[in-house]
Amino acid sequence: MNRIEKLKNDAYSFEELITLEKNARKLNDRETLALIEISRASKLARGEQPKSTVDDDGVPLTRRGRRDLKAGR
């Protein structure tokens, strides 16, 4: 199954959609961007929520976020 079919069938998680969106923006792929928006909307309509990027104390959960916090950005 290719990427477009997976997007149409809503097979990607929120995290995977973020990565796909970054790549599609670099390539200026309007079809993929439109399908990503539809996929996100359908996930939200079903009650799915994206994972938080910070923990309860406000500390970023990503490596880049922790690095930026240490650097004082």
PDB file of N, CA and C in Angstrom:
ATOM      1  N   MET A   1       0.854  -1.169   0.000  1.00  0.00           N
ATOM      2  CA  MET A   1       0.000   0.000   0.000  1.00  0.00           C
ATOM      3  C   MET A   1       0.906   1.239   0.000  1.00  0.00           C
ATOM      4  N   ASN A   2       0.652   2.167  -0.888  1.00  0.00           N
ATOM      5  CA  ASN A   2       1.509   3.348  -0.958  1.00  0.00           C
ATOM      6  C   ASN A   2       1.028   4.445   0.002  1.00  0.00           C
ATOM      7  N   ARG A   3       1.823   5.495   0.081  1.00  0.00           N
ATOM      8  CA  ARG A   3       1.579   6.585   1.020  1.00  0.00           C
ATOM      9  C   ARG A   3       0.206   7.233   0.828  1.00  0.00           C
ATOM     10  N   ILE A   4      -0.190   7.478  -0.410  1.00  0.00           N
ATOM     11  CA  ILE A   4      -1.475   8.127  -0.689  1.00  0.00           C
ATOM     12  C   ILE A   4      -2.629   7.239  -0.228  1.00  0.00           C
ATOM     13  N   GLU A   5      -2.548   5.956  -0.515  1.00  0.00           N
ATOM     14  CA  GLU A   5      -3.598   5.029  -0.084  1.00  0.00           C
ATOM     15  C   GLU A   5      -3.688   4.948   1.433  1.00  0.00           C
ATOM     16  N   LYS A   6      -2.538   4.933   2.099  1.00  0.00           N
ATOM     17  CA  LYS A   6      -2.539   4.903   3.559  1.00  0.00           C
ATOM     18  C   LYS A   6      -3.180   6.165   4.127  1.00  0.00           C
ATOM     19  N   LEU A   7      -2.892   7.324   3.501  1.00  0.00           N
ATOM     20  CA  LEU A   7      -3.515   8.564   3.963  1.00  0.00           C
ATOM     21  C   LEU A   7      -5.019   8.532   3.759  1.00  0.00           C
ATOM     22  N   LYS A   8      -5.459   8.010   2.631  1.00  0.00           N
ATOM     23  CA  LYS A   8      -6.895   7.919   2.365  1.00  0.00           C
ATOM     24  C   LYS A   8      -7.582   6.977   3.338  1.00  0.00           C
ATOM     25  N   ASN A   9      -6.867   5.920   3.765  1.00  0.00           N
ATOM     26  CA  ASN A   9      -7.432   4.949   4.699  1.00  0.00           C
ATOM     27  C   ASN A   9      -7.164   5.318   6.156  1.00  0.00           C
ATOM     28  N   ASP A  10      -6.553   6.475   6.381  1.00  0.00           N
ATOM     29  CA  ASP A  10      -6.310   6.987   7.730  1.00  0.00           C
ATOM     30  C   ASP A  10      -5.480   6.012   8.565  1.00  0.00           C
ATOM     31  N   ALA A  11      -4.383   5.516   7.994  1.00  0.00           N
ATOM     32  CA  ALA A  11      -3.567   4.499   8.651  1.00  0.00           C
ATOM     33  C   ALA A  11      -2.402   5.079   9.453  1.00  0.00           C
ATOM     34  N   TYR A  12      -2.137   6.368   9.352  1.00  0.00           N
ATOM     35  CA  TYR A  12      -0.998   6.968  10.029  1.00  0.00           C
ATOM     36  C   TYR A  12      -1.380   7.546  11.385  1.00  0.00           C
ATOM     37  N   SER A  13      -0.427   7.531  12.325  1.00  0.00           N
ATOM     38  CA  SER A  13      -0.630   8.152  13.634  1.00  0.00           C
ATOM     39  C   SER A  13      -0.357   9.653  13.510  1.00  0.00           C
ATOM     40  N   PHE A  14      -0.669  10.397  14.568  1.00  0.00           N
ATOM     41  CA  PHE A  14      -0.410  11.829  14.560  1.00  0.00           C
ATOM     42  C   PHE A  14       1.080  12.122  14.373  1.00  0.00           C
ATOM     43  N   GLU A  15       1.923  11.326  15.021  1.00  0.00           N
ATOM     44  CA  GLU A  15       3.363  11.538  14.909  1.00  0.00           C
ATOM     45  C   GLU A  15       3.839  11.304  13.480  1.00  0.00           C
ATOM     46  N   GLU A  16       3.324  10.274  12.847  1.00  0.00           N
ATOM     47  CA  GLU A  16       3.696  10.006  11.458  1.00  0.00           C
ATOM     48  C   GLU A  16       3.182  11.095  10.528  1.00  0.00           C
ATOM     49  N   LEU A  17       2.019  11.644  10.839  1.00  0.00           N
ATOM     50  CA  LEU A  17       1.470  12.727  10.013  1.00  0.00           C
ATOM     51  C   LEU A  17       2.352  13.971  10.079  1.00  0.00           C
ATOM     52  N   ILE A  18       2.945  14.234  11.239  1.00  0.00           N
ATOM     53  CA  ILE A  18       3.843  15.383  11.373  1.00  0.00           C
ATOM     54  C   ILE A  18       5.041  15.226  10.448  1.00  0.00           C
ATOM     55  N   THR A  19       5.623  14.022  10.451  1.00  0.00           N
ATOM     56  CA  THR A  19       6.774  13.757   9.591  1.00  0.00           C
ATOM     57  C   THR A  19       6.389  13.856   8.119  1.00  0.00           C
ATOM     58  N   LEU A  20       5.252  13.275   7.763  1.00  0.00           N
ATOM     59  CA  LEU A  20       4.795  13.354   6.374  1.00  0.00           C
ATOM     60  C   LEU A  20       4.561  14.800   5.955  1.00  0.00           C
ATOM     61  N   GLU A  21       4.008  15.600   6.864  1.00  0.00           N
ATOM     62  CA  GLU A  21       3.735  16.996   6.545  1.00  0.00           C
ATOM     63  C   GLU A  21       5.032  17.764   6.301  1.00  0.00           C
ATOM     64  N   LYS A  22       6.048  17.526   7.128  1.00  0.00           N
ATOM     65  CA  LYS A  22       7.336  18.201   6.924  1.00  0.00           C
ATOM     66  C   LYS A  22       7.900  17.877   5.546  1.00  0.00           C
ATOM     67  N   ASN A  23       7.865  16.604   5.190  1.00  0.00           N
ATOM     68  CA  ASN A  23       8.395  16.197   3.889  1.00  0.00           C
ATOM     69  C   ASN A  23       7.565  16.764   2.739  1.00  0.00           C
ATOM     70  N   ALA A  24       6.255  16.756   2.882  1.00  0.00           N
ATOM     71  CA  ALA A  24       5.381  17.262   1.829  1.00  0.00           C
ATOM     72  C   ALA A  24       5.568  18.766   1.636  1.00  0.00           C
ATOM     73  N   ARG A  25       5.802  19.489   2.725  1.00  0.00           N
ATOM     74  CA  ARG A  25       6.047  20.934   2.608  1.00  0.00           C
ATOM     75  C   ARG A  25       7.351  21.202   1.856  1.00  0.00           C
ATOM     76  N   LYS A  26       8.379  20.408   2.142  1.00  0.00           N
ATOM     77  CA  LYS A  26       9.651  20.581   1.441  1.00  0.00           C
ATOM     78  C   LYS A  26       9.486  20.337  -0.053  1.00  0.00           C
ATOM     79  N   LEU A  27       8.650  19.360  -0.398  1.00  0.00           N
ATOM     80  CA  LEU A  27       8.440  19.002  -1.800  1.00  0.00           C
ATOM     81  C   LEU A  27       7.302  19.775  -2.451  1.00  0.00           C
ATOM     82  N   ASN A  28       6.592  20.600  -1.654  1.00  0.00           N
ATOM     83  CA  ASN A  28       5.434  21.357  -2.120  1.00  0.00           C
ATOM     84  C   ASN A  28       4.381  20.423  -2.731  1.00  0.00           C
ATOM     85  N   ASP A  29       4.110  19.315  -2.041  1.00  0.00           N
ATOM     86  CA  ASP A  29       3.159  18.299  -2.490  1.00  0.00           C
ATOM     87  C   ASP A  29       1.765  18.636  -1.937  1.00  0.00           C
ATOM     88  N   ARG A  30       0.997  19.351  -2.720  1.00  0.00           N
ATOM     89  CA  ARG A  30      -0.318  19.826  -2.278  1.00  0.00           C
ATOM     90  C   ARG A  30      -1.313  18.691  -2.054  1.00  0.00           C
ATOM     91  N   GLU A  31      -1.243  17.652  -2.847  1.00  0.00           N
ATOM     92  CA  GLU A  31      -2.169  16.523  -2.684  1.00  0.00           C
ATOM     93  C   GLU A  31      -1.956  15.857  -1.321  1.00  0.00           C
ATOM     94  N   THR A  32      -0.715  15.607  -0.972  1.00  0.00           N
ATOM     95  CA  THR A  32      -0.414  14.980   0.311  1.00  0.00           C
ATOM     96  C   THR A  32      -0.799  15.891   1.459  1.00  0.00           C
ATOM     97  N   LEU A  33      -0.523  17.171   1.352  1.00  0.00           N
ATOM     98  CA  LEU A  33      -0.888  18.114   2.406  1.00  0.00           C
ATOM     99  C   LEU A  33      -2.396  18.153   2.630  1.00  0.00           C
ATOM    100  N   ALA A  34      -3.151  18.112   1.551  1.00  0.00           N
ATOM    101  CA  ALA A  34      -4.611  18.105   1.680  1.00  0.00           C
ATOM    102  C   ALA A  34      -5.094  16.820   2.367  1.00  0.00           C
ATOM    103  N   LEU A  35      -4.505  15.689   1.999  1.00  0.00           N
ATOM    104  CA  LEU A  35      -4.891  14.424   2.621  1.00  0.00           C
ATOM    105  C   LEU A  35      -4.491  14.373   4.095  1.00  0.00           C
ATOM    106  N   ILE A  36      -3.385  14.986   4.451  1.00  0.00           N
ATOM    107  CA  ILE A  36      -2.962  15.036   5.854  1.00  0.00           C
ATOM    108  C   ILE A  36      -3.963  15.835   6.675  1.00  0.00           C
ATOM    109  N   GLU A  37      -4.417  16.962   6.141  1.00  0.00           N
ATOM    110  CA  GLU A  37      -5.421  17.769   6.847  1.00  0.00           C
ATOM    111  C   GLU A  37      -6.704  16.979   7.067  1.00  0.00           C
ATOM    112  N   ILE A  38      -7.137  16.255   6.056  1.00  0.00           N
ATOM    113  CA  ILE A  38      -8.352  15.448   6.171  1.00  0.00           C
ATOM    114  C   ILE A  38      -8.155  14.342   7.198  1.00  0.00           C
ATOM    115  N   SER A  39      -6.998  13.699   7.180  1.00  0.00           N
ATOM    116  CA  SER A  39      -6.708  12.622   8.114  1.00  0.00           C
ATOM    117  C   SER A  39      -6.696  13.134   9.550  1.00  0.00           C
ATOM    118  N   ARG A  40      -6.074  14.287   9.785  1.00  0.00           N
ATOM    119  CA  ARG A  40      -6.060  14.872  11.136  1.00  0.00           C
ATOM    120  C   ARG A  40      -7.476  15.198  11.599  1.00  0.00           C
ATOM    121  N   ALA A  41      -8.255  15.780  10.722  1.00  0.00           N
ATOM    122  CA  ALA A  41      -9.625  16.148  11.085  1.00  0.00           C
ATOM    123  C   ALA A  41     -10.455  14.910  11.429  1.00  0.00           C
ATOM    124  N   SER A  42     -10.290  13.847  10.671  1.00  0.00           N
ATOM    125  CA  SER A  42     -11.078  12.638  10.949  1.00  0.00           C
ATOM    126  C   SER A  42     -10.631  11.995  12.256  1.00  0.00           C
ATOM    127  N   LYS A  43      -9.345  12.038  12.568  1.00  0.00           N
ATOM    128  CA  LYS A  43      -8.859  11.495  13.838  1.00  0.00           C
ATOM    129  C   LYS A  43      -9.434  12.295  15.011  1.00  0.00           C
ATOM    130  N   LEU A  44      -9.412  13.615  14.887  1.00  0.00           N
ATOM    131  CA  LEU A  44      -9.965  14.455  15.944  1.00  0.00           C
ATOM    132  C   LEU A  44     -11.469  14.246  16.098  1.00  0.00           C
ATOM    133  N   ALA A  45     -12.172  14.050  14.988  1.00  0.00           N
ATOM    134  CA  ALA A  45     -13.619  13.814  15.039  1.00  0.00           C
ATOM    135  C   ALA A  45     -13.945  12.491  15.731  1.00  0.00           C
ATOM    136  N   ARG A  46     -13.055  11.508  15.602  1.00  0.00           N
ATOM    137  CA  ARG A  46     -13.258  10.222  16.264  1.00  0.00           C
ATOM    138  C   ARG A  46     -12.847  10.262  17.728  1.00  0.00           C
ATOM    139  N   GLY A  47     -12.255  11.371  18.154  1.00  0.00           N
ATOM    140  CA  GLY A  47     -11.873  11.515  19.549  1.00  0.00           C
ATOM    141  C   GLY A  47     -10.417  11.191  19.840  1.00  0.00           C
ATOM    142  N   GLU A  48      -9.630  10.885  18.833  1.00  0.00           N
ATOM    143  CA  GLU A  48      -8.206  10.640  19.051  1.00  0.00           C
ATOM    144  C   GLU A  48      -7.516  11.963  19.328  1.00  0.00           C
ATOM    145  N   GLN A  49      -6.539  11.936  20.204  1.00  0.00           N
ATOM    146  CA  GLN A  49      -5.789  13.137  20.540  1.00  0.00           C
ATOM    147  C   GLN A  49      -4.310  12.895  20.292  1.00  0.00           C
ATOM    148  N   PRO A  50      -3.587  13.910  19.800  1.00  0.00           N
ATOM    149  CA  PRO A  50      -2.139  13.753  19.637  1.00  0.00           C
ATOM    150  C   PRO A  50      -1.474  13.690  21.007  1.00  0.00           C
ATOM    151  N   LYS A  51      -0.343  12.993  21.069  1.00  0.00           N
ATOM    152  CA  LYS A  51       0.402  12.911  22.327  1.00  0.00           C
ATOM    153  C   LYS A  51       0.977  14.283  22.649  1.00  0.00           C
ATOM    154  N   SER A  52       1.048  14.576  23.928  1.00  0.00           N
ATOM    155  CA  SER A  52       1.613  15.838  24.375  1.00  0.00           C
ATOM    156  C   SER A  52       3.109  15.856  24.124  1.00  0.00           C
ATOM    157  N   THR A  53       3.649  17.030  23.862  1.00  0.00           N
ATOM    158  CA  THR A  53       5.086  17.156  23.629  1.00  0.00           C
ATOM    159  C   THR A  53       5.831  17.569  24.891  1.00  0.00           C
ATOM    160  N   VAL A  54       5.104  17.813  25.981  1.00  0.00           N
ATOM    161  CA  VAL A  54       5.723  18.142  27.271  1.00  0.00           C
ATOM    162  C   VAL A  54       5.114  17.259  28.350  1.00  0.00           C
ATOM    163  N   ASP A  55       5.891  17.009  29.418  1.00  0.00           N
ATOM    164  CA  ASP A  55       5.353  16.206  30.511  1.00  0.00           C
ATOM    165  C   ASP A  55       4.604  17.102  31.493  1.00  0.00           C
ATOM    166  N   ASP A  56       4.193  16.543  32.621  1.00  0.00           N
ATOM    167  CA  ASP A  56       3.395  17.290  33.598  1.00  0.00           C
ATOM    168  C   ASP A  56       4.139  18.476  34.198  1.00  0.00           C
ATOM    169  N   ASP A  57       5.473  18.402  34.231  1.00  0.00           N
ATOM    170  CA  ASP A  57       6.278  19.485  34.794  1.00  0.00           C
ATOM    171  C   ASP A  57       6.660  20.539  33.766  1.00  0.00           C
ATOM    172  N   GLY A  58       6.237  20.355  32.512  1.00  0.00           N
ATOM    173  CA  GLY A  58       6.559  21.310  31.458  1.00  0.00           C
ATOM    174  C   GLY A  58       7.875  21.042  30.771  1.00  0.00           C
ATOM    175  N   VAL A  59       8.495  19.906  31.049  1.00  0.00           N
ATOM    176  CA  VAL A  59       9.773  19.544  30.426  1.00  0.00           C
ATOM    177  C   VAL A  59       9.482  18.885  29.078  1.00  0.00           C
ATOM    178  N   PRO A  60      10.116  19.349  28.007  1.00  0.00           N
ATOM    179  CA  PRO A  60       9.885  18.760  26.685  1.00  0.00           C
ATOM    180  C   PRO A  60      10.242  17.278  26.651  1.00  0.00           C
ATOM    181  N   LEU A  61       9.452  16.505  25.929  1.00  0.00           N
ATOM    182  CA  LEU A  61       9.681  15.072  25.823  1.00  0.00           C
ATOM    183  C   LEU A  61      10.590  14.708  24.656  1.00  0.00           C
ATOM    184  N   THR A  62      10.857  15.641  23.781  1.00  0.00           N
ATOM    185  CA  THR A  62      11.698  15.346  22.628  1.00  0.00           C
ATOM    186  C   THR A  62      13.147  15.699  22.930  1.00  0.00           C
ATOM    187  N   ARG A  63      14.044  15.028  22.257  1.00  0.00           N
ATOM    188  CA  ARG A  63      15.470  15.292  22.445  1.00  0.00           C
ATOM    189  C   ARG A  63      15.794  16.737  22.078  1.00  0.00           C
ATOM    190  N   ARG A  64      15.226  17.210  20.996  1.00  0.00           N
ATOM    191  CA  ARG A  64      15.499  18.583  20.568  1.00  0.00           C
ATOM    192  C   ARG A  64      14.967  19.585  21.591  1.00  0.00           C
ATOM    193  N   GLY A  65      13.788  19.322  22.128  1.00  0.00           N
ATOM    194  CA  GLY A  65      13.209  20.214  23.124  1.00  0.00           C
ATOM    195  C   GLY A  65      14.048  20.292  24.385  1.00  0.00           C
ATOM    196  N   ARG A  66      14.561  19.153  24.830  1.00  0.00           N
ATOM    197  CA  ARG A  66      15.428  19.137  26.015  1.00  0.00           C
ATOM    198  C   ARG A  66      16.739  19.855  25.744  1.00  0.00           C
ATOM    199  N   ARG A  67      17.281  19.685  24.555  1.00  0.00           N
ATOM    200  CA  ARG A  67      18.515  20.362  24.181  1.00  0.00           C
ATOM    201  C   ARG A  67      18.305  21.880  24.153  1.00  0.00           C
ATOM    202  N   ASP A  68      17.198  22.307  23.576  1.00  0.00           N
ATOM    203  CA  ASP A  68      16.909  23.740  23.519  1.00  0.00           C
ATOM    204  C   ASP A  68      16.686  24.313  24.911  1.00  0.00           C
ATOM    205  N   LEU A  69      16.088  23.538  25.803  1.00  0.00           N
ATOM    206  CA  LEU A  69      15.854  23.986  27.180  1.00  0.00           C
ATOM    207  C   LEU A  69      17.183  24.192  27.895  1.00  0.00           C
ATOM    208  N   LYS A  70      18.126  23.261  27.691  1.00  0.00           N
ATOM    209  CA  LYS A  70      19.447  23.395  28.297  1.00  0.00           C
ATOM    210  C   LYS A  70      20.204  24.591  27.740  1.00  0.00           C
ATOM    211  N   ALA A  71      20.027  24.866  26.453  1.00  0.00           N
ATOM    212  CA  ALA A  71      20.735  25.965  25.805  1.00  0.00           C
ATOM    213  C   ALA A  71      20.108  27.325  26.152  1.00  0.00           C
ATOM    214  N   GLY A  72      18.928  27.291  26.776  1.00  0.00           N
ATOM    215  CA  GLY A  72      18.278  28.536  27.172  1.00  0.00           C
ATOM    216  C   GLY A  72      17.530  29.235  26.068  1.00  0.00           C
ATOM    217  N   ARG A  73      17.104  28.482  25.064  1.00  0.00           N
ATOM    218  CA  ARG A  73      16.381  29.088  23.937  1.00  0.00           C
ATOM    219  C   ARG A  73      14.947  29.284  24.243  1.00  0.00           C
TER     220      ARG A  73
END
